[in-house]
Amino acid sequence: GLLNGSVVFGLWYYAINLLGAVRASWFT
């Protein structure tokens, strides 16, 4: 709920906004 919810997806969308969806996805 917290780490894998609000925290991780906040970081995820932050990374997408800065890197773009494709570049961010490759980190996973």
PDB file of all heavy atoms in Angstrom:
ATOM      1  N   GLY A   1       0.795  -1.218   0.000  1.00  0.00           N
ATOM      2  CA  GLY A   1       0.000   0.000   0.000  1.00  0.00           C
ATOM      3  C   GLY A   1       0.827   1.268   0.000  1.00  0.00           C
ATOM      4  O   GLY A   1       0.509   2.223  -0.716  1.00  0.00           O
ATOM      5  N   LEU A   2       1.882   1.299   0.806  1.00  0.00           N
ATOM      6  CA  LEU A   2       2.692   2.515   0.925  1.00  0.00           C
ATOM      7  C   LEU A   2       3.890   2.490  -0.014  1.00  0.00           C
ATOM      8  O   LEU A   2       3.962   3.259  -0.973  1.00  0.00           O
ATOM      9  CB  LEU A   2       3.143   2.693   2.376  1.00  0.00           C
ATOM     10  CG  LEU A   2       2.021   2.977   3.380  1.00  0.00           C
ATOM     11  CD1 LEU A   2       2.563   3.017   4.800  1.00  0.00           C
ATOM     12  CD2 LEU A   2       1.303   4.283   3.045  1.00  0.00           C
ATOM     13  N   LEU A   3       4.839   1.570   0.239  1.00  0.00           N
ATOM     14  CA  LEU A   3       6.041   1.546  -0.595  1.00  0.00           C
ATOM     15  C   LEU A   3       5.721   1.184  -2.040  1.00  0.00           C
ATOM     16  O   LEU A   3       6.124   1.874  -2.977  1.00  0.00           O
ATOM     17  CB  LEU A   3       7.051   0.559  -0.014  1.00  0.00           C
ATOM     18  CG  LEU A   3       7.944   1.074   1.116  1.00  0.00           C
ATOM     19  CD1 LEU A   3       8.881  -0.025   1.583  1.00  0.00           C
ATOM     20  CD2 LEU A   3       8.725   2.298   0.684  1.00  0.00           C
ATOM     21  N   ASN A   4       4.975   0.084  -2.228  1.00  0.00           N
ATOM     22  CA  ASN A   4       4.692  -0.370  -3.584  1.00  0.00           C
ATOM     23  C   ASN A   4       3.441   0.280  -4.160  1.00  0.00           C
ATOM     24  O   ASN A   4       2.993  -0.086  -5.245  1.00  0.00           O
ATOM     25  CB  ASN A   4       4.537  -1.894  -3.616  1.00  0.00           C
ATOM     26  CG  ASN A   4       4.729  -2.464  -4.993  1.00  0.00           C
ATOM     27  OD1 ASN A   4       5.581  -2.015  -5.748  1.00  0.00           O
ATOM     28  ND2 ASN A   4       3.913  -3.446  -5.351  1.00  0.00           N
ATOM     29  N   GLY A   5       2.884   1.245  -3.435  1.00  0.00           N
ATOM     30  CA  GLY A   5       1.711   1.953  -3.915  1.00  0.00           C
ATOM     31  C   GLY A   5       2.014   3.423  -4.117  1.00  0.00           C
ATOM     32  O   GLY A   5       2.512   3.844  -5.160  1.00  0.00           O
ATOM     33  N   SER A   6       1.749   4.223  -3.095  1.00  0.00           N
ATOM     34  CA  SER A   6       1.886   5.675  -3.245  1.00  0.00           C
ATOM     35  C   SER A   6       3.330   6.104  -3.472  1.00  0.00           C
ATOM     36  O   SER A   6       3.612   6.983  -4.296  1.00  0.00           O
ATOM     37  CB  SER A   6       1.311   6.381  -2.006  1.00  0.00           C
ATOM     38  OG  SER A   6       1.825   5.827  -0.815  1.00  0.00           O
ATOM     39  N   VAL A   7       4.298   5.483  -2.787  1.00  0.00           N
ATOM     40  CA  VAL A   7       5.699   5.904  -2.931  1.00  0.00           C
ATOM     41  C   VAL A   7       6.253   5.506  -4.289  1.00  0.00           C
ATOM     42  O   VAL A   7       6.792   6.337  -5.039  1.00  0.00           O
ATOM     43  CB  VAL A   7       6.566   5.309  -1.795  1.00  0.00           C
ATOM     44  CG1 VAL A   7       8.049   5.588  -2.058  1.00  0.00           C
ATOM     45  CG2 VAL A   7       6.159   5.904  -0.457  1.00  0.00           C
ATOM     46  N   VAL A   8       6.139   4.212  -4.623  1.00  0.00           N
ATOM     47  CA  VAL A   8       6.802   3.737  -5.831  1.00  0.00           C
ATOM     48  C   VAL A   8       6.186   4.323  -7.093  1.00  0.00           C
ATOM     49  O   VAL A   8       6.890   4.661  -8.053  1.00  0.00           O
ATOM     50  CB  VAL A   8       6.805   2.189  -5.879  1.00  0.00           C
ATOM     51  CG1 VAL A   8       5.505   1.640  -6.434  1.00  0.00           C
ATOM     52  CG2 VAL A   8       7.975   1.682  -6.697  1.00  0.00           C
ATOM     53  N   PHE A   9       4.874   4.494  -7.121  1.00  0.00           N
ATOM     54  CA  PHE A   9       4.276   5.042  -8.338  1.00  0.00           C
ATOM     55  C   PHE A   9       4.467   6.550  -8.433  1.00  0.00           C
ATOM     56  O   PHE A   9       4.480   7.101  -9.539  1.00  0.00           O
ATOM     57  CB  PHE A   9       2.801   4.644  -8.447  1.00  0.00           C
ATOM     58  CG  PHE A   9       2.624   3.313  -9.112  1.00  0.00           C
ATOM     59  CD1 PHE A   9       2.383   2.180  -8.362  1.00  0.00           C
ATOM     60  CD2 PHE A   9       2.737   3.180 -10.486  1.00  0.00           C
ATOM     61  CE1 PHE A   9       2.243   0.938  -8.961  1.00  0.00           C
ATOM     62  CE2 PHE A   9       2.597   1.957 -11.108  1.00  0.00           C
ATOM     63  CZ  PHE A   9       2.352   0.821 -10.343  1.00  0.00           C
ATOM     64  N   GLY A  10       4.632   7.228  -7.279  1.00  0.00           N
ATOM     65  CA  GLY A  10       5.032   8.626  -7.354  1.00  0.00           C
ATOM     66  C   GLY A  10       6.400   8.765  -8.009  1.00  0.00           C
ATOM     67  O   GLY A  10       6.610   9.606  -8.893  1.00  0.00           O
ATOM     68  N   LEU A  11       7.340   7.905  -7.609  1.00  0.00           N
ATOM     69  CA  LEU A  11       8.667   7.892  -8.233  1.00  0.00           C
ATOM     70  C   LEU A  11       8.585   7.460  -9.699  1.00  0.00           C
ATOM     71  O   LEU A  11       9.304   7.987 -10.555  1.00  0.00           O
ATOM     72  CB  LEU A  11       9.592   6.939  -7.468  1.00  0.00           C
ATOM     73  CG  LEU A  11       9.991   7.361  -6.056  1.00  0.00           C
ATOM     74  CD1 LEU A  11      10.656   6.200  -5.315  1.00  0.00           C
ATOM     75  CD2 LEU A  11      10.920   8.564  -6.102  1.00  0.00           C
ATOM     76  N   TRP A  12       7.719   6.508  -9.984  1.00  0.00           N
ATOM     77  CA  TRP A  12       7.581   5.983 -11.342  1.00  0.00           C
ATOM     78  C   TRP A  12       7.113   7.073 -12.309  1.00  0.00           C
ATOM     79  O   TRP A  12       7.676   7.268 -13.383  1.00  0.00           O
ATOM     80  CB  TRP A  12       6.621   4.808 -11.314  1.00  0.00           C
ATOM     81  CG  TRP A  12       6.381   4.117 -12.612  1.00  0.00           C
ATOM     82  CD1 TRP A  12       5.176   3.913 -13.215  1.00  0.00           C
ATOM     83  CD2 TRP A  12       7.356   3.507 -13.473  1.00  0.00           C
ATOM     84  NE1 TRP A  12       5.333   3.214 -14.386  1.00  0.00           N
ATOM     85  CE2 TRP A  12       6.664   2.955 -14.564  1.00  0.00           C
ATOM     86  CE3 TRP A  12       8.737   3.381 -13.411  1.00  0.00           C
ATOM     87  CZ2 TRP A  12       7.313   2.289 -15.596  1.00  0.00           C
ATOM     88  CZ3 TRP A  12       9.389   2.720 -14.442  1.00  0.00           C
ATOM     89  CH2 TRP A  12       8.683   2.191 -15.516  1.00  0.00           C
ATOM     90  N   TYR A  13       6.075   7.810 -11.931  1.00  0.00           N
ATOM     91  CA  TYR A  13       5.575   8.866 -12.815  1.00  0.00           C
ATOM     92  C   TYR A  13       6.551  10.036 -12.889  1.00  0.00           C
ATOM     93  O   TYR A  13       6.641  10.713 -13.923  1.00  0.00           O
ATOM     94  CB  TYR A  13       4.189   9.334 -12.354  1.00  0.00           C
ATOM     95  CG  TYR A  13       3.118   8.293 -12.610  1.00  0.00           C
ATOM     96  CD1 TYR A  13       2.323   7.801 -11.592  1.00  0.00           C
ATOM     97  CD2 TYR A  13       2.921   7.780 -13.894  1.00  0.00           C
ATOM     98  CE1 TYR A  13       1.357   6.836 -11.828  1.00  0.00           C
ATOM     99  CE2 TYR A  13       1.959   6.816 -14.137  1.00  0.00           C
ATOM    100  CZ  TYR A  13       1.184   6.348 -13.104  1.00  0.00           C
ATOM    101  OH  TYR A  13       0.240   5.383 -13.347  1.00  0.00           O
ATOM    102  N   TYR A  14       7.288  10.264 -11.819  1.00  0.00           N
ATOM    103  CA  TYR A  14       8.345  11.280 -11.850  1.00  0.00           C
ATOM    104  C   TYR A  14       9.409  10.885 -12.870  1.00  0.00           C
ATOM    105  O   TYR A  14       9.859  11.715 -13.682  1.00  0.00           O
ATOM    106  CB  TYR A  14       8.946  11.413 -10.452  1.00  0.00           C
ATOM    107  CG  TYR A  14      10.058  12.441 -10.332  1.00  0.00           C
ATOM    108  CD1 TYR A  14       9.773  13.807 -10.408  1.00  0.00           C
ATOM    109  CD2 TYR A  14      11.373  12.040 -10.127  1.00  0.00           C
ATOM    110  CE1 TYR A  14      10.797  14.745 -10.282  1.00  0.00           C
ATOM    111  CE2 TYR A  14      12.390  12.972 -10.005  1.00  0.00           C
ATOM    112  CZ  TYR A  14      12.098  14.323 -10.078  1.00  0.00           C
ATOM    113  OH  TYR A  14      13.107  15.254  -9.966  1.00  0.00           O
ATOM    114  N   ALA A  15       9.810   9.606 -12.865  1.00  0.00           N
ATOM    115  CA  ALA A  15      10.807   9.129 -13.828  1.00  0.00           C
ATOM    116  C   ALA A  15      10.273   9.211 -15.257  1.00  0.00           C
ATOM    117  O   ALA A  15      11.003   9.605 -16.180  1.00  0.00           O
ATOM    118  CB  ALA A  15      11.198   7.688 -13.497  1.00  0.00           C
ATOM    119  N   ILE A  16       9.009   8.865 -15.462  1.00  0.00           N
ATOM    120  CA  ILE A  16       8.413   8.944 -16.802  1.00  0.00           C
ATOM    121  C   ILE A  16       8.386  10.386 -17.293  1.00  0.00           C
ATOM    122  O   ILE A  16       8.683  10.669 -18.460  1.00  0.00           O
ATOM    123  CB  ILE A  16       6.998   8.332 -16.797  1.00  0.00           C
ATOM    124  CG1 ILE A  16       7.085   6.808 -16.660  1.00  0.00           C
ATOM    125  CG2 ILE A  16       6.241   8.690 -18.079  1.00  0.00           C
ATOM    126  CD1 ILE A  16       5.745   6.122 -16.535  1.00  0.00           C
ATOM    127  N   ASN A  17       8.031  11.326 -16.401  1.00  0.00           N
ATOM    128  CA  ASN A  17       7.991  12.739 -16.796  1.00  0.00           C
ATOM    129  C   ASN A  17       9.368  13.249 -17.212  1.00  0.00           C
ATOM    130  O   ASN A  17       9.483  14.100 -18.102  1.00  0.00           O
ATOM    131  CB  ASN A  17       7.448  13.592 -15.645  1.00  0.00           C
ATOM    132  CG  ASN A  17       5.947  13.473 -15.491  1.00  0.00           C
ATOM    133  OD1 ASN A  17       5.255  12.981 -16.379  1.00  0.00           O
ATOM    134  ND2 ASN A  17       5.431  13.896 -14.352  1.00  0.00           N
ATOM    135  N   LEU A  18      10.431  12.735 -16.585  1.00  0.00           N
ATOM    136  CA  LEU A  18      11.782  13.214 -16.875  1.00  0.00           C
ATOM    137  C   LEU A  18      12.459  12.447 -18.013  1.00  0.00           C
ATOM    138  O   LEU A  18      13.188  13.039 -18.815  1.00  0.00           O
ATOM    139  CB  LEU A  18      12.655  13.123 -15.621  1.00  0.00           C
ATOM    140  CG  LEU A  18      12.290  14.057 -14.470  1.00  0.00           C
ATOM    141  CD1 LEU A  18      13.227  13.834 -13.294  1.00  0.00           C
ATOM    142  CD2 LEU A  18      12.329  15.514 -14.896  1.00  0.00           C
ATOM    143  N   LEU A  19      12.242  11.135 -18.074  1.00  0.00           N
ATOM    144  CA  LEU A  19      12.966  10.291 -19.032  1.00  0.00           C
ATOM    145  C   LEU A  19      12.135   9.885 -20.239  1.00  0.00           C
ATOM    146  O   LEU A  19      12.697   9.501 -21.271  1.00  0.00           O
ATOM    147  CB  LEU A  19      13.456   9.013 -18.334  1.00  0.00           C
ATOM    148  CG  LEU A  19      14.399   9.181 -17.147  1.00  0.00           C
ATOM    149  CD1 LEU A  19      14.692   7.823 -16.521  1.00  0.00           C
ATOM    150  CD2 LEU A  19      15.700   9.857 -17.579  1.00  0.00           C
ATOM    151  N   GLY A  20      10.817   9.954 -20.121  1.00  0.00           N
ATOM    152  CA  GLY A  20       9.957   9.380 -21.138  1.00  0.00           C
ATOM    153  C   GLY A  20       9.596   7.955 -20.765  1.00  0.00           C
ATOM    154  O   GLY A  20      10.318   7.284 -20.011  1.00  0.00           O
ATOM    155  N   ALA A  21       8.483   7.458 -21.297  1.00  0.00           N
ATOM    156  CA  ALA A  21       7.979   6.149 -20.895  1.00  0.00           C
ATOM    157  C   ALA A  21       8.924   5.018 -21.276  1.00  0.00           C
ATOM    158  O   ALA A  21       9.159   4.102 -20.485  1.00  0.00           O
ATOM    159  CB  ALA A  21       6.596   5.917 -21.521  1.00  0.00           C
ATOM    160  N   VAL A  22       9.468   5.053 -22.490  1.00  0.00           N
ATOM    161  CA  VAL A  22      10.298   3.937 -22.959  1.00  0.00           C
ATOM    162  C   VAL A  22      11.584   3.838 -22.154  1.00  0.00           C
ATOM    163  O   VAL A  22      11.968   2.765 -21.668  1.00  0.00           O
ATOM    164  CB  VAL A  22      10.602   4.078 -24.462  1.00  0.00           C
ATOM    165  CG1 VAL A  22      11.587   3.001 -24.911  1.00  0.00           C
ATOM    166  CG2 VAL A  22       9.320   3.983 -25.280  1.00  0.00           C
ATOM    167  N   ARG A  23      12.287   4.956 -21.974  1.00  0.00           N
ATOM    168  CA  ARG A  23      13.553   4.930 -21.225  1.00  0.00           C
ATOM    169  C   ARG A  23      13.326   4.509 -19.771  1.00  0.00           C
ATOM    170  O   ARG A  23      14.089   3.712 -19.219  1.00  0.00           O
ATOM    171  CB  ARG A  23      14.223   6.293 -21.271  1.00  0.00           C
ATOM    172  CG  ARG A  23      14.791   6.677 -22.630  1.00  0.00           C
ATOM    173  CD  ARG A  23      15.383   8.073 -22.588  1.00  0.00           C
ATOM    174  NE  ARG A  23      16.519   8.133 -21.683  1.00  0.00           N
ATOM    175  CZ  ARG A  23      17.035   9.276 -21.220  1.00  0.00           C
ATOM    176  NH1 ARG A  23      16.479  10.449 -21.550  1.00  0.00           N
ATOM    177  NH2 ARG A  23      18.077   9.268 -20.421  1.00  0.00           N
ATOM    178  N   ALA A  24      12.276   5.041 -19.147  1.00  0.00           N
ATOM    179  CA  ALA A  24      12.000   4.670 -17.755  1.00  0.00           C
ATOM    180  C   ALA A  24      11.682   3.182 -17.646  1.00  0.00           C
ATOM    181  O   ALA A  24      12.121   2.502 -16.710  1.00  0.00           O
ATOM    182  CB  ALA A  24      10.849   5.506 -17.213  1.00  0.00           C
ATOM    183  N   SER A  25      10.918   2.656 -18.601  1.00  0.00           N
ATOM    184  CA  SER A  25      10.502   1.259 -18.519  1.00  0.00           C
ATOM    185  C   SER A  25      11.692   0.306 -18.567  1.00  0.00           C
ATOM    186  O   SER A  25      11.679  -0.747 -17.932  1.00  0.00           O
ATOM    187  CB  SER A  25       9.519   0.925 -19.647  1.00  0.00           C
ATOM    188  OG  SER A  25      10.169   0.881 -20.903  1.00  0.00           O
ATOM    189  N   TRP A  26      12.750   0.677 -19.300  1.00  0.00           N
ATOM    190  CA  TRP A  26      13.886  -0.235 -19.441  1.00  0.00           C
ATOM    191  C   TRP A  26      14.659  -0.422 -18.140  1.00  0.00           C
ATOM    192  O   TRP A  26      15.335  -1.428 -17.955  1.00  0.00           O
ATOM    193  CB  TRP A  26      14.810   0.238 -20.569  1.00  0.00           C
ATOM    194  CG  TRP A  26      14.335  -0.311 -21.875  1.00  0.00           C
ATOM    195  CD1 TRP A  26      13.309   0.157 -22.635  1.00  0.00           C
ATOM    196  CD2 TRP A  26      14.827  -1.474 -22.546  1.00  0.00           C
ATOM    197  NE1 TRP A  26      13.130  -0.625 -23.746  1.00  0.00           N
ATOM    198  CE2 TRP A  26      14.054  -1.634 -23.725  1.00  0.00           C
ATOM    199  CE3 TRP A  26      15.841  -2.375 -22.288  1.00  0.00           C
ATOM    200  CZ2 TRP A  26      14.265  -2.672 -24.626  1.00  0.00           C
ATOM    201  CZ3 TRP A  26      16.059  -3.418 -23.188  1.00  0.00           C
ATOM    202  CH2 TRP A  26      15.273  -3.556 -24.336  1.00  0.00           C
ATOM    203  N   PHE A  27      14.547   0.502 -17.215  1.00  0.00           N
ATOM    204  CA  PHE A  27      15.186   0.318 -15.917  1.00  0.00           C
ATOM    205  C   PHE A  27      14.601  -0.881 -15.187  1.00  0.00           C
ATOM    206  O   PHE A  27      15.298  -1.536 -14.399  1.00  0.00           O
ATOM    207  CB  PHE A  27      15.021   1.578 -15.056  1.00  0.00           C
ATOM    208  CG  PHE A  27      16.040   2.645 -15.337  1.00  0.00           C
ATOM    209  CD1 PHE A  27      15.817   3.586 -16.332  1.00  0.00           C
ATOM    210  CD2 PHE A  27      17.213   2.713 -14.610  1.00  0.00           C
ATOM    211  CE1 PHE A  27      16.756   4.569 -16.599  1.00  0.00           C
ATOM    212  CE2 PHE A  27      18.160   3.702 -14.866  1.00  0.00           C
ATOM    213  CZ  PHE A  27      17.927   4.627 -15.873  1.00  0.00           C
ATOM    214  N   THR A  28      13.313  -1.187 -15.430  1.00  0.00           N
ATOM    215  CA  THR A  28      12.668  -2.255 -14.677  1.00  0.00           C
ATOM    216  C   THR A  28      13.221  -3.634 -15.036  1.00  0.00           C
ATOM    217  O   THR A  28      13.003  -4.595 -14.294  1.00  0.00           O
ATOM    218  CB  THR A  28      11.146  -2.252 -14.897  1.00  0.00           C
ATOM    219  OG1 THR A  28      10.844  -2.574 -16.265  1.00  0.00           O
ATOM    220  CG2 THR A  28      10.550  -0.897 -14.555  1.00  0.00           C
TER     221      THR A  28
END
